[in-house]
Protein backbone atom coordinates (compact mmCIF):
# COMPACT_ATOMS: atom_id res chain seq x y z
CA UNK A 1 18.86 -9.12 15.68
CA UNK A 2 18.91 -12.56 14.05
CA UNK A 3 17.78 -12.54 10.41
CA UNK A 4 14.92 -15.01 11.02
CA UNK A 5 13.69 -12.95 13.98
CA UNK A 6 13.93 -9.78 11.90
CA UNK A 7 11.95 -11.44 9.10
CA UNK A 8 9.19 -12.59 11.46
CA UNK A 9 9.06 -9.10 12.92
CA UNK A 10 8.78 -7.60 9.43
CA UNK A 11 5.95 -9.96 8.46
CA UNK A 12 4.01 -9.17 11.65
CA UNK A 13 4.53 -5.44 11.11
CA UNK A 14 3.25 -5.68 7.52
CA UNK A 15 0.19 -7.65 8.63
CA UNK A 16 -0.48 -5.10 11.37
CA UNK A 17 0.03 -2.16 8.99
CA UNK A 18 -2.31 -3.66 6.40
CA UNK A 19 -5.03 -4.17 9.00
CA UNK A 20 -4.54 -0.62 10.30
CA UNK A 21 -4.99 0.74 6.76
CA UNK A 22 -8.20 -1.28 6.46
CA UNK A 23 -9.36 0.21 9.76
CA UNK A 24 -8.61 3.69 8.39
CA UNK A 25 -10.92 2.99 5.44
CA UNK A 26 -13.62 1.81 7.84
CA UNK A 27 -13.34 5.02 9.88
CA UNK A 28 -13.68 7.04 6.67
CA UNK A 29 -16.80 5.14 5.65
CA UNK A 30 -18.33 5.64 9.11
CA UNK A 31 -17.66 9.38 8.86
CA UNK A 32 -19.16 9.48 5.34
CA UNK A 33 -22.56 8.77 6.88
CA UNK A 34 -22.46 12.30 8.35
CA UNK A 35 -20.15 14.44 6.22
CA UNK A 36 -19.01 14.60 2.55
CA UNK A 37 -15.63 13.36 1.25
CA UNK A 38 -14.13 16.84 0.95
CA UNK A 39 -14.79 17.56 4.63
CA UNK A 40 -13.15 14.28 5.60
CA UNK A 41 -10.03 15.14 3.59
CA UNK A 42 -9.84 18.63 5.06
CA UNK A 43 -10.34 17.74 8.71
CA UNK A 44 -8.24 14.59 8.52
CA UNK A 45 -5.50 16.62 6.82
CA UNK A 46 -5.49 19.22 9.59
CA UNK A 47 -5.20 16.52 12.26
CA UNK A 48 -2.51 14.60 10.37
CA UNK A 49 -0.43 17.72 9.74
CA UNK A 50 -0.61 18.65 13.42
CA UNK A 51 0.56 15.20 14.48
CA UNK A 52 3.32 15.11 11.86
CA UNK A 53 4.62 18.55 12.84
CA UNK A 54 4.84 17.38 16.43
CA UNK A 55 6.71 14.20 15.43
CA UNK A 56 9.08 16.10 13.12
CA UNK A 57 9.83 18.56 15.90
CA UNK A 58 10.38 15.77 18.41
CA UNK A 59 12.81 14.01 16.03
CA UNK A 60 14.59 17.26 15.20
CA UNK A 61 13.69 16.97 11.52
CA UNK A 62 11.59 20.14 11.24
CA UNK A 63 14.29 21.88 9.10
CA UNK A 64 13.89 19.04 6.60
CA UNK A 65 10.45 20.42 5.70
CA UNK A 66 12.23 22.50 3.05
CA UNK A 67 12.23 19.35 0.93
CA UNK A 68 8.43 19.48 0.86
CA UNK A 69 8.83 21.94 -2.03
CA UNK A 70 10.83 19.47 -4.13
CA UNK A 71 8.81 18.94 -7.33
CA UNK A 72 9.01 15.16 -6.99
CA UNK A 73 7.68 15.30 -3.45
CA UNK A 74 4.90 17.66 -4.55
CA UNK A 75 3.98 15.47 -7.52
CA UNK A 76 3.96 12.36 -5.39
CA UNK A 77 1.87 14.09 -2.72
CA UNK A 78 -0.62 15.41 -5.28
CA UNK A 79 -0.99 11.97 -6.86
CA UNK A 80 -1.53 10.30 -3.48
CA UNK A 81 -4.07 12.98 -2.52
CA UNK A 82 -6.06 12.35 -5.71
CA UNK A 83 -5.94 8.61 -4.95
CA UNK A 84 -7.45 9.37 -1.53
CA UNK A 85 -10.20 11.49 -3.13
CA UNK A 86 -11.10 8.72 -5.57
CA UNK A 87 -11.07 5.99 -2.95
CA UNK A 88 -13.09 7.88 -0.33
CA UNK A 89 -15.63 8.92 -2.96
CA UNK A 90 -15.92 5.29 -4.12
CA UNK A 91 -16.66 3.85 -0.68
CA UNK A 92 -19.65 6.16 -0.31
CA UNK A 93 -21.61 3.48 -2.16
CA UNK A 94 -19.13 0.58 -2.43
CA UNK A 95 -18.05 -1.85 0.25
CA UNK A 96 -14.54 -1.23 1.54
CA UNK A 97 -13.75 -4.89 0.80
CA UNK A 98 -14.48 -4.58 -2.92
CA UNK A 99 -12.72 -1.21 -3.21
CA UNK A 100 -9.63 -2.47 -1.35
CA UNK A 101 -9.44 -5.56 -3.57
CA UNK A 102 -9.60 -3.47 -6.74
CA UNK A 103 -6.72 -1.19 -5.74
CA UNK A 104 -4.55 -4.28 -5.19
CA UNK A 105 -4.18 -4.36 -8.97
CA UNK A 106 -1.70 -1.48 -8.57
CA UNK A 107 1.50 -3.64 -8.44
CA UNK A 108 0.46 -5.42 -11.64
CA UNK A 109 -0.34 -2.08 -13.29
CA UNK A 110 3.09 -0.81 -12.20
CA UNK A 111 4.76 -3.82 -13.82
CA UNK A 112 2.85 -3.37 -17.07
CA UNK A 113 3.61 0.38 -17.14
CA UNK A 114 7.31 -0.33 -16.61
CA UNK A 115 7.28 -2.44 -19.76
CA UNK A 116 5.26 -0.01 -21.89
CA UNK A 117 6.94 3.23 -20.88
CA UNK A 118 10.35 2.41 -19.41
CA UNK A 119 11.60 -0.49 -21.51
CA UNK A 120 11.48 -3.15 -18.77
CA UNK A 121 11.03 -6.76 -19.80
CA UNK A 122 8.81 -9.44 -18.32
CA UNK A 123 8.12 -12.96 -19.56
CA UNK A 124 4.86 -14.22 -20.99
CA UNK A 125 3.87 -15.85 -17.70
CA UNK A 126 3.99 -12.47 -15.98
CA UNK A 127 1.86 -10.97 -18.78
CA UNK A 128 -0.65 -13.73 -18.10
CA UNK A 129 -0.58 -12.77 -14.40
CA UNK A 130 -1.33 -9.15 -15.33
CA UNK A 131 -4.25 -10.29 -17.50
CA UNK A 132 -5.61 -12.55 -14.76
CA UNK A 133 -5.43 -9.68 -12.29
CA UNK A 134 -7.51 -7.46 -14.54
CA UNK A 135 -9.99 -10.30 -15.07
CA UNK A 136 -10.34 -10.36 -11.30
CA UNK A 137 -11.10 -6.63 -11.32
CA UNK A 138 -13.74 -7.22 -14.00
CA UNK A 139 -15.42 -9.85 -11.84
CA UNK A 140 -15.69 -7.35 -8.98
CA UNK A 141 -16.84 -4.41 -11.13
CA UNK A 142 -19.21 -6.56 -13.26
CA UNK A 143 -19.50 -4.24 -16.29
CA UNK A 144 -22.53 -4.73 -18.50
CA UNK A 145 -24.63 -6.29 -15.74
CA UNK A 146 -27.34 -4.92 -13.48
CA UNK A 147 -24.87 -5.15 -10.59
CA UNK A 148 -22.50 -2.67 -12.24
CA UNK A 149 -21.85 0.53 -10.28
CA UNK A 150 -19.90 3.27 -12.02
CA UNK A 151 -18.35 4.13 -8.66
CA UNK A 152 -16.33 0.91 -8.99
CA UNK A 153 -14.30 2.61 -11.71
CA UNK A 154 -12.92 5.08 -9.15
CA UNK A 155 -10.76 2.58 -7.20
CA UNK A 156 -9.55 1.22 -10.54
CA UNK A 157 -8.46 4.74 -11.53
CA UNK A 158 -6.89 5.06 -8.08
CA UNK A 159 -4.90 1.86 -8.66
CA UNK A 160 -3.54 3.18 -11.97
CA UNK A 161 -2.55 6.44 -10.27
CA UNK A 162 -0.85 4.43 -7.53
CA UNK A 163 1.32 2.84 -10.21
CA UNK A 164 2.36 6.33 -11.37
CA UNK A 165 2.89 7.36 -7.74
CA UNK A 166 5.30 4.46 -7.23
CA UNK A 167 7.44 5.58 -10.18
CA UNK A 168 7.59 9.11 -8.80
CA UNK A 169 8.40 7.82 -5.31
CA UNK A 170 11.37 5.89 -6.68
CA UNK A 171 12.82 9.17 -7.95
CA UNK A 172 12.67 10.97 -4.62
CA UNK A 173 16.14 11.22 -3.05
CA UNK A 174 16.87 9.14 0.02
CA UNK A 175 17.83 12.34 1.84
CA UNK A 176 14.14 13.28 2.03
CA UNK A 177 12.58 11.85 5.25
CA UNK A 178 9.49 9.71 4.84
CA UNK A 179 7.68 11.93 7.34
CA UNK A 180 8.22 14.94 5.06
CA UNK A 181 6.70 13.05 2.11
CA UNK A 182 3.75 12.04 4.29
CA UNK A 183 3.39 15.64 5.53
CA UNK A 184 3.26 16.95 1.96
CA UNK A 185 0.65 14.36 1.02
CA UNK A 186 -1.53 15.26 3.99
CA UNK A 187 -1.17 18.96 3.23
CA UNK A 188 -2.19 18.63 -0.40
CA UNK A 189 -5.11 16.40 0.57
CA UNK A 190 -6.20 19.03 3.08
CA UNK A 191 -6.10 21.77 0.43
CA UNK A 192 -8.12 19.63 -1.99
CA UNK A 193 -10.63 19.04 0.79
CA UNK A 194 -11.04 22.74 1.53
CA UNK A 195 -11.40 23.43 -2.20
CA UNK A 196 -14.17 20.82 -2.31
CA UNK A 197 -16.20 22.84 0.18
CA UNK A 198 -17.16 25.06 -2.77
CA UNK A 199 -19.15 22.22 -4.38
CA UNK A 200 -20.14 20.08 -1.39
CA UNK A 201 -22.19 21.11 1.60
CA UNK A 202 -20.31 20.72 4.86
CA UNK A 203 -21.97 19.84 8.15
CA UNK A 204 -21.28 20.57 11.80
CA UNK A 205 -19.15 17.86 13.42
CA UNK A 206 -20.53 15.95 16.37
CA UNK A 207 -18.20 14.20 18.81
CA UNK A 208 -18.73 10.78 17.24
CA UNK A 209 -17.80 11.93 13.73
CA UNK A 210 -14.84 13.88 15.08
CA UNK A 211 -13.72 10.70 16.82
CA UNK A 212 -13.91 8.80 13.53
CA UNK A 213 -11.78 11.45 11.83
CA UNK A 214 -9.24 11.49 14.66
CA UNK A 215 -8.99 7.70 14.62
CA UNK A 216 -8.70 7.79 10.82
CA UNK A 217 -5.85 10.29 10.93
CA UNK A 218 -3.92 8.35 13.58
CA UNK A 219 -4.47 5.02 11.80
CA UNK A 220 -3.33 6.51 8.48
CA UNK A 221 -0.05 7.69 10.00
CA UNK A 222 0.30 4.47 11.98
CA UNK A 223 -0.23 2.34 8.89
CA UNK A 224 2.56 4.16 7.04
CA UNK A 225 4.93 3.82 10.00
CA UNK A 226 4.21 0.10 10.44
CA UNK A 227 4.66 -0.77 6.77
CA UNK A 228 7.84 1.30 6.47
CA UNK A 229 9.26 -0.44 9.56
CA UNK A 230 8.30 -3.82 8.07
CA UNK A 231 10.68 -3.33 5.13
CA UNK A 232 13.63 -2.19 7.25
CA UNK A 233 16.39 -4.77 6.92
CA UNK A 234 14.19 -7.27 5.07
CA UNK A 235 13.77 -8.49 1.51
CA UNK A 236 10.78 -6.57 0.05
CA UNK A 237 9.88 -9.59 -2.10
CA UNK A 238 9.24 -11.59 1.08
CA UNK A 239 7.42 -8.86 3.01
CA UNK A 240 5.27 -7.29 0.25
CA UNK A 241 2.91 -10.28 -0.34
CA UNK A 242 1.55 -9.91 3.19
CA UNK A 243 0.07 -6.58 2.10
CA UNK A 244 -2.84 -8.61 0.71
CA UNK A 245 -3.98 -9.21 4.29
CA UNK A 246 -5.62 -5.79 3.93
CA UNK A 247 -8.23 -7.35 1.61
CA UNK A 248 -9.19 -9.93 4.23
CA UNK A 249 -9.32 -7.27 6.95
CA UNK A 250 -11.41 -4.97 4.76
CA UNK A 251 -13.87 -7.74 3.92
CA UNK A 252 -14.17 -8.63 7.61
CA UNK A 253 -14.73 -5.00 8.66
CA UNK A 254 -17.18 -4.48 5.82
CA UNK A 255 -19.22 -7.49 6.96
CA UNK A 256 -19.00 -6.72 10.67
CA UNK A 257 -19.60 -2.95 10.62
CA UNK A 258 -21.70 -2.43 7.50
CA UNK A 259 -23.27 -5.85 6.95
CA UNK A 260 -21.87 -5.89 3.40
CA UNK A 261 -20.67 -9.30 2.30
CA UNK A 262 -19.14 -9.78 -1.18
CA UNK A 263 -20.94 -12.19 -3.51
CA UNK A 264 -19.25 -15.33 -4.82
CA UNK A 265 -18.28 -13.66 -8.10
CA UNK A 266 -16.54 -10.83 -6.25
CA UNK A 267 -14.78 -13.31 -3.97
CA UNK A 268 -13.53 -15.10 -7.09
CA UNK A 269 -12.26 -11.77 -8.45
CA UNK A 270 -10.45 -11.02 -5.18
CA UNK A 271 -8.81 -14.45 -5.30
CA UNK A 272 -7.62 -13.88 -8.88
CA UNK A 273 -6.14 -10.47 -8.06
CA UNK A 274 -4.27 -11.77 -5.03
CA UNK A 275 -3.05 -14.90 -6.83
CA UNK A 276 -1.77 -12.88 -9.79
CA UNK A 277 -0.04 -10.40 -7.50
CA UNK A 278 1.60 -13.10 -5.40
CA UNK A 279 2.81 -14.89 -8.53
CA UNK A 280 4.34 -11.75 -10.02
CA UNK A 281 6.11 -11.00 -6.73
CA UNK A 282 7.52 -14.53 -6.58
CA UNK A 283 8.97 -14.09 -10.08
CA UNK A 284 10.93 -11.04 -8.97
CA UNK A 285 12.26 -12.55 -5.77
CA UNK A 286 16.08 -12.58 -5.88
CA UNK A 287 17.80 -15.95 -5.90
CA UNK A 288 19.21 -17.05 -2.54
CA UNK A 289 22.85 -16.30 -2.02
CA UNK A 290 25.23 -19.27 -1.98
CA UNK A 291 28.06 -18.98 0.47
CA UNK A 292 31.39 -19.97 -1.08
CA UNK A 293 34.43 -20.69 1.05
CA UNK A 294 37.42 -19.04 -0.62
CA UNK A 295 39.89 -20.58 1.87
CA UNK A 296 40.14 -24.38 1.59
CA UNK A 297 39.53 -26.28 4.81
CA UNK A 298 42.39 -28.48 6.11
CA UNK A 299 42.02 -32.17 5.34
CA UNK A 300 42.84 -34.79 7.97
CA UNK A 301 45.53 -37.24 6.93
CA UNK A 302 43.43 -40.26 7.79
CA UNK A 303 40.83 -39.19 5.24
CA UNK A 304 43.32 -39.28 2.34
CA UNK A 305 43.61 -42.29 0.01
CA UNK A 306 46.16 -44.88 1.01
CA UNK A 307 48.90 -43.90 -1.46
CA UNK A 308 48.97 -40.17 -0.65
CA UNK A 309 48.83 -40.92 3.09
CA UNK A 310 51.87 -43.22 2.82
CA UNK A 311 53.69 -40.52 0.93
CA UNK A 312 52.85 -38.06 3.64
């Protein structure tokens, strides 16, 4: 496949995956009107595990499930499961647009953590981008005002955990299939959900709520598959910025399904977060390769200066 065609395909896949993830959040919020977060995690986990087992069996990768017990896979799965708990709990009272925008601070938090804990270096302009991103979060959360909702701190905590998750993910061996990592995450989320039944009252599922949970499980798996496929054979620095489409999709779904439009201050915060993230990604984009011909091309005699041509 031609590189430009592959790039266009990757961009479209990332846009589609981001919108599918936004749809998954919308399905979760619809289900929250009937059942508590722990029940969503438990039921969605059961459905996701069933689908993943079927896919692993179909691909002949079921024996690879032994890697689910790798401590890095378990730590990554546990972190991702806690992120899901925080995010789902937050959207009980928050709009999915605001919550989605806040978690987009994760790449900037990852960059800052790499400097503070792993000795990486970034220039002052990138530090300014990190600061601008957190200013954007502040505009959405609005601390110290009557509009402040403590629930808004949950997606911020989720974003910081996502930064930690990314470091752990980078230490998982390439021999571990992505489906196994996803399976472990779904399993741990399911267990957390069942544990939550001790403190939250569960309710009988009607067909509509069950449909939301089924759609949420399928969209969650589909979003992972689309975004993973988007990066295959492409430069991550080119593909990753299109992840911010999820904010636009979330805002649109929030307005259309829940009649929740962000105010102008929140819109300004979203713009700052996305601008800071896009800038930081552009700074880490590798320089284009310059093709150098090691074998000199033959030169026509009639292009030589007069004296050398006469000598020839």
